[in-house]
Amino acid sequence: MTTTVLIVDDQQLQRLGFRMLLDGTPDMSVVGEASAGAEAVRMVEQNRPDVVLMDVRMPGMDGIEATRRITVAGSRTRVLILTTFDLDEYVYAGLRAGASGFLLKDARPEELIAGIRAVASGDAVVAPSLTRKLMDAYLQDPASTTPADPRLTTLSEREREVLEAIGQGATNTEIAERFTLTESTVKKHVGRVLAKIGARDRIQAVIFAYDNGLVQPRA
């Protein structure tokens, strides 16, 4: 199955490098390139790519606003943010806007390809350690928390525990070991949690867990 990709970056050489890599990958197909956020939103509507490689800093509409508009529109397209810094405040804003993860621009080719495949399959791309670093860095202000979401009441006790573990950056294997469950059972729990809280992927579940006080940022 071929994964279709839209490349969004205001640097032509950067777009060219990504295109050369993806064009040389058998199961990848580049459906277009955009140099600005507004153009990216239009091209997503026209081409419905599986994944958008989204730069953050661009003239006019930036990658965060473009991500928000793409996800709010209900598109099945997933957004993978590409950034220069691993603790860039814009990355967190992009994840909150609906992106499915982020990678550094200097990631190895195999990491980028694996990231695109993961996002296309509905998974998230931020590693647990980086997830924790991001949340710790940008959720320190207690005033930023919101009242408990009513969707929390729809979760069973086990599902709530699984959500807390996801918020702590635990993998399915780690969750299985913690609660003495099989990984297949954990996957079912994770799927039900995502469906009940309306999260597109684990990253959105992490944000939901922090927003509702299930997990506290470390000092």
Protein backbone atom coordinates (compact mmCIF):
# COMPACT_ATOMS: atom_id res chain seq x y z
CA MET A 1 0.00 0.00 0.00
CA THR A 2 1.38 3.39 -1.00
CA THR A 3 1.49 6.24 1.51
CA THR A 4 0.87 9.65 -0.06
CA VAL A 5 2.80 12.61 1.34
CA LEU A 6 2.59 16.39 1.04
CA ILE A 7 5.85 18.23 1.79
CA VAL A 8 5.48 21.68 3.39
CA ASP A 9 8.60 23.82 3.89
CA ASP A 10 9.54 27.34 2.85
CA GLN A 11 13.05 26.19 1.92
CA GLN A 12 13.19 24.80 -1.61
CA LEU A 13 16.36 22.77 -0.98
CA GLN A 14 14.75 21.20 2.08
CA ARG A 15 11.70 20.19 0.05
CA LEU A 16 13.96 18.81 -2.67
CA GLY A 17 15.86 16.67 -0.18
CA PHE A 18 12.68 15.22 1.27
CA ARG A 19 11.27 14.56 -2.20
CA MET A 20 14.40 12.74 -3.35
CA LEU A 21 14.27 10.51 -0.27
CA LEU A 22 10.56 9.74 -0.58
CA ASP A 23 10.62 9.25 -4.34
CA GLY A 24 13.30 6.62 -3.78
CA THR A 25 11.13 4.73 -1.30
CA PRO A 26 8.89 2.12 -2.99
CA ASP A 27 5.81 2.57 -0.78
CA MET A 28 5.92 6.39 -0.66
CA SER A 29 4.45 8.86 -3.14
CA VAL A 30 4.84 12.65 -2.99
CA VAL A 31 1.58 14.26 -4.13
CA GLY A 32 2.78 17.83 -3.90
CA GLU A 33 4.87 20.52 -2.24
CA ALA A 34 3.86 23.73 -0.49
CA SER A 35 6.01 26.63 0.72
CA ALA A 36 3.49 28.21 3.12
CA GLY A 37 0.72 27.23 5.50
CA ALA A 38 -2.22 28.56 3.51
CA GLU A 39 -1.02 26.75 0.42
CA ALA A 40 -0.67 23.55 2.46
CA VAL A 41 -4.28 23.77 3.68
CA ARG A 42 -5.52 24.17 0.10
CA MET A 43 -3.42 21.28 -1.16
CA VAL A 44 -4.65 18.98 1.60
CA GLU A 45 -8.23 19.74 0.55
CA GLN A 46 -7.37 19.01 -3.08
CA ASN A 47 -5.11 15.97 -2.74
CA ARG A 48 -6.11 14.32 0.59
CA PRO A 49 -2.61 13.02 1.35
CA ASP A 50 -2.10 10.44 4.06
CA VAL A 51 0.63 12.48 5.76
CA VAL A 52 1.82 16.08 5.72
CA LEU A 53 5.45 16.80 6.55
CA MET A 54 4.91 20.22 8.15
CA ASP A 55 7.55 22.84 8.79
CA VAL A 56 6.78 25.18 11.69
CA ARG A 57 8.24 28.57 10.80
CA MET A 58 7.00 29.85 7.46
CA PRO A 59 5.96 33.29 6.19
CA GLY A 60 2.28 34.15 6.45
CA MET A 61 0.32 31.28 7.98
CA ASP A 62 2.77 29.17 9.99
CA GLY A 63 2.75 25.40 10.33
CA ILE A 64 0.85 25.46 13.62
CA GLU A 65 -2.13 27.33 12.25
CA ALA A 66 -2.06 25.20 9.11
CA THR A 67 -2.08 22.06 11.28
CA ARG A 68 -5.02 23.37 13.28
CA ARG A 69 -7.04 24.11 10.15
CA ILE A 70 -6.28 20.72 8.64
CA THR A 71 -7.34 18.81 11.75
CA VAL A 72 -10.37 20.99 12.54
CA ALA A 73 -11.64 20.32 9.02
CA GLY A 74 -11.93 16.67 9.96
CA SER A 75 -9.47 15.52 7.34
CA ARG A 76 -8.09 11.99 7.62
CA THR A 77 -4.68 13.49 6.79
CA ARG A 78 -2.13 13.18 9.60
CA VAL A 79 0.43 15.90 10.29
CA LEU A 80 4.04 15.16 11.18
CA ILE A 81 5.82 18.30 12.35
CA LEU A 82 9.45 18.79 11.42
CA THR A 83 11.50 21.09 13.60
CA THR A 84 15.09 22.17 14.16
CA PHE A 85 14.99 21.97 17.96
CA ASP A 86 13.79 19.05 20.08
CA LEU A 87 12.30 21.32 22.76
CA ASP A 88 10.84 24.01 20.60
CA GLU A 89 7.74 25.65 22.11
CA TYR A 90 6.10 25.61 18.69
CA VAL A 91 6.25 21.82 18.66
CA TYR A 92 4.02 21.57 21.72
CA ALA A 93 1.63 24.10 20.20
CA GLY A 94 1.57 22.00 17.04
CA LEU A 95 0.76 18.83 18.96
CA ARG A 96 -2.07 20.63 20.73
CA ALA A 97 -3.28 21.84 17.33
CA GLY A 98 -3.71 18.22 16.29
CA ALA A 99 -0.37 17.04 14.90
CA SER A 100 0.39 13.36 15.34
CA GLY A 101 4.00 13.90 16.39
CA PHE A 102 7.27 15.52 15.47
CA LEU A 103 10.75 14.72 14.23
CA LEU A 104 13.91 16.75 14.01
CA LYS A 105 14.92 17.89 10.55
CA ASP A 106 18.29 16.22 10.99
CA ALA A 107 16.67 12.83 11.66
CA ARG A 108 18.23 9.94 9.78
CA PRO A 109 16.46 8.97 6.53
CA GLU A 110 15.27 5.68 8.01
CA GLU A 111 13.83 7.54 11.02
CA LEU A 112 11.87 9.88 8.77
CA ILE A 113 10.50 7.01 6.69
CA ALA A 114 9.56 5.06 9.81
CA GLY A 115 7.91 8.17 11.25
CA ILE A 116 5.80 8.71 8.16
CA ARG A 117 4.70 5.08 8.15
CA ALA A 118 3.82 5.22 11.84
CA VAL A 119 1.75 8.38 11.49
CA ALA A 120 0.00 7.04 8.40
CA SER A 121 -1.02 3.92 10.36
CA GLY A 122 -2.54 6.04 13.13
CA ASP A 123 0.33 5.86 15.59
CA ALA A 124 2.26 8.76 17.14
CA VAL A 125 5.88 9.56 16.47
CA VAL A 126 7.13 11.32 19.59
CA ALA A 127 9.26 8.97 21.69
CA PRO A 128 8.13 8.54 25.33
CA SER A 129 11.21 10.36 26.68
CA LEU A 130 10.66 13.33 24.40
CA THR A 131 6.94 13.32 25.19
CA ARG A 132 7.77 13.68 28.86
CA LYS A 133 10.32 16.44 28.21
CA LEU A 134 7.81 18.38 26.15
CA MET A 135 5.05 18.11 28.70
CA ASP A 136 7.35 18.96 31.57
CA ALA A 137 8.60 22.02 29.73
CA TYR A 138 5.26 23.47 28.65
CA LEU A 139 2.75 22.40 31.29
CA GLN A 140 4.36 23.89 34.39
CA ASP A 141 1.74 26.61 34.88
CA PRO A 142 -1.16 25.27 37.03
CA ALA A 143 -3.34 28.09 35.71
CA SER A 144 -3.19 26.49 32.28
CA THR A 145 -5.19 23.46 33.42
CA THR A 146 -8.87 23.28 32.52
CA PRO A 147 -11.86 21.90 34.47
CA ALA A 148 -12.13 18.10 34.37
CA ASP A 149 -13.47 16.93 31.04
CA PRO A 150 -16.81 15.06 31.32
CA ARG A 151 -15.41 12.39 29.03
CA LEU A 152 -13.35 11.17 31.97
CA THR A 153 -16.52 9.74 33.52
CA THR A 154 -16.98 7.43 30.53
CA LEU A 155 -13.74 5.59 31.33
CA SER A 156 -13.67 2.42 33.39
CA GLU A 157 -11.19 2.21 36.28
CA ARG A 158 -8.78 0.19 34.14
CA GLU A 159 -9.12 2.57 31.19
CA ARG A 160 -8.36 5.50 33.45
CA GLU A 161 -5.23 3.71 34.70
CA VAL A 162 -4.17 3.07 31.12
CA LEU A 163 -4.73 6.73 30.24
CA GLU A 164 -2.56 7.79 33.18
CA ALA A 165 0.16 5.43 32.00
CA ILE A 166 -0.05 6.83 28.47
CA GLY A 167 0.27 10.31 29.94
CA GLN A 168 3.45 9.22 31.70
CA GLY A 169 4.91 8.16 28.35
CA ALA A 170 4.61 4.41 28.92
CA THR A 171 4.68 2.07 25.95
CA ASN A 172 2.17 -0.74 25.49
CA THR A 173 4.80 -3.22 26.70
CA GLU A 174 5.43 -1.18 29.85
CA ILE A 175 1.70 -0.85 30.50
CA ALA A 176 1.27 -4.60 30.09
CA GLU A 177 4.03 -5.26 32.62
CA ARG A 178 2.69 -2.69 35.08
CA PHE A 179 -0.83 -4.12 35.18
CA THR A 180 0.02 -7.76 34.38
CA LEU A 181 -1.87 -7.75 31.09
CA THR A 182 -1.12 -9.09 27.64
CA GLU A 183 -0.08 -6.55 25.02
CA SER A 184 -3.13 -7.42 22.93
CA THR A 185 -5.35 -6.56 25.90
CA VAL A 186 -3.49 -3.28 26.40
CA LYS A 187 -3.99 -2.41 22.73
CA LYS A 188 -7.74 -2.93 23.16
CA HIS A 189 -7.78 -0.73 26.25
CA VAL A 190 -5.79 1.98 24.47
CA GLY A 191 -8.16 1.85 21.51
CA ARG A 192 -11.19 2.25 23.76
CA VAL A 193 -9.56 5.11 25.66
CA LEU A 194 -8.76 6.99 22.46
CA ALA A 195 -12.30 6.49 21.18
CA LYS A 196 -13.95 7.63 24.43
CA ILE A 197 -11.89 10.81 24.82
CA GLY A 198 -11.95 11.62 21.11
CA ALA A 199 -8.16 11.49 20.69
CA ARG A 200 -6.66 10.89 17.28
CA ASP A 201 -3.58 9.18 18.73
CA ARG A 202 -1.48 8.70 21.85
CA ILE A 203 -0.05 12.20 21.70
CA GLN A 204 -3.52 13.73 21.97
CA ALA A 205 -4.21 11.33 24.84
CA VAL A 206 -1.08 12.56 26.64
CA ILE A 207 -2.25 16.16 26.33
CA PHE A 208 -5.73 15.15 27.55
CA ALA A 209 -4.20 13.40 30.59
CA TYR A 210 -2.16 16.46 31.52
CA ASP A 211 -5.00 18.90 30.91
CA ASN A 212 -7.21 16.91 33.28
CA GLY A 213 -4.64 16.52 36.04
CA LEU A 214 -4.15 12.76 35.68
CA VAL A 215 -0.42 13.35 35.30
CA GLN A 216 1.58 16.16 36.88
CA PRO A 217 4.65 17.76 35.28
CA ARG A 218 7.81 17.09 37.21
CA ALA A 219 9.52 19.95 38.97
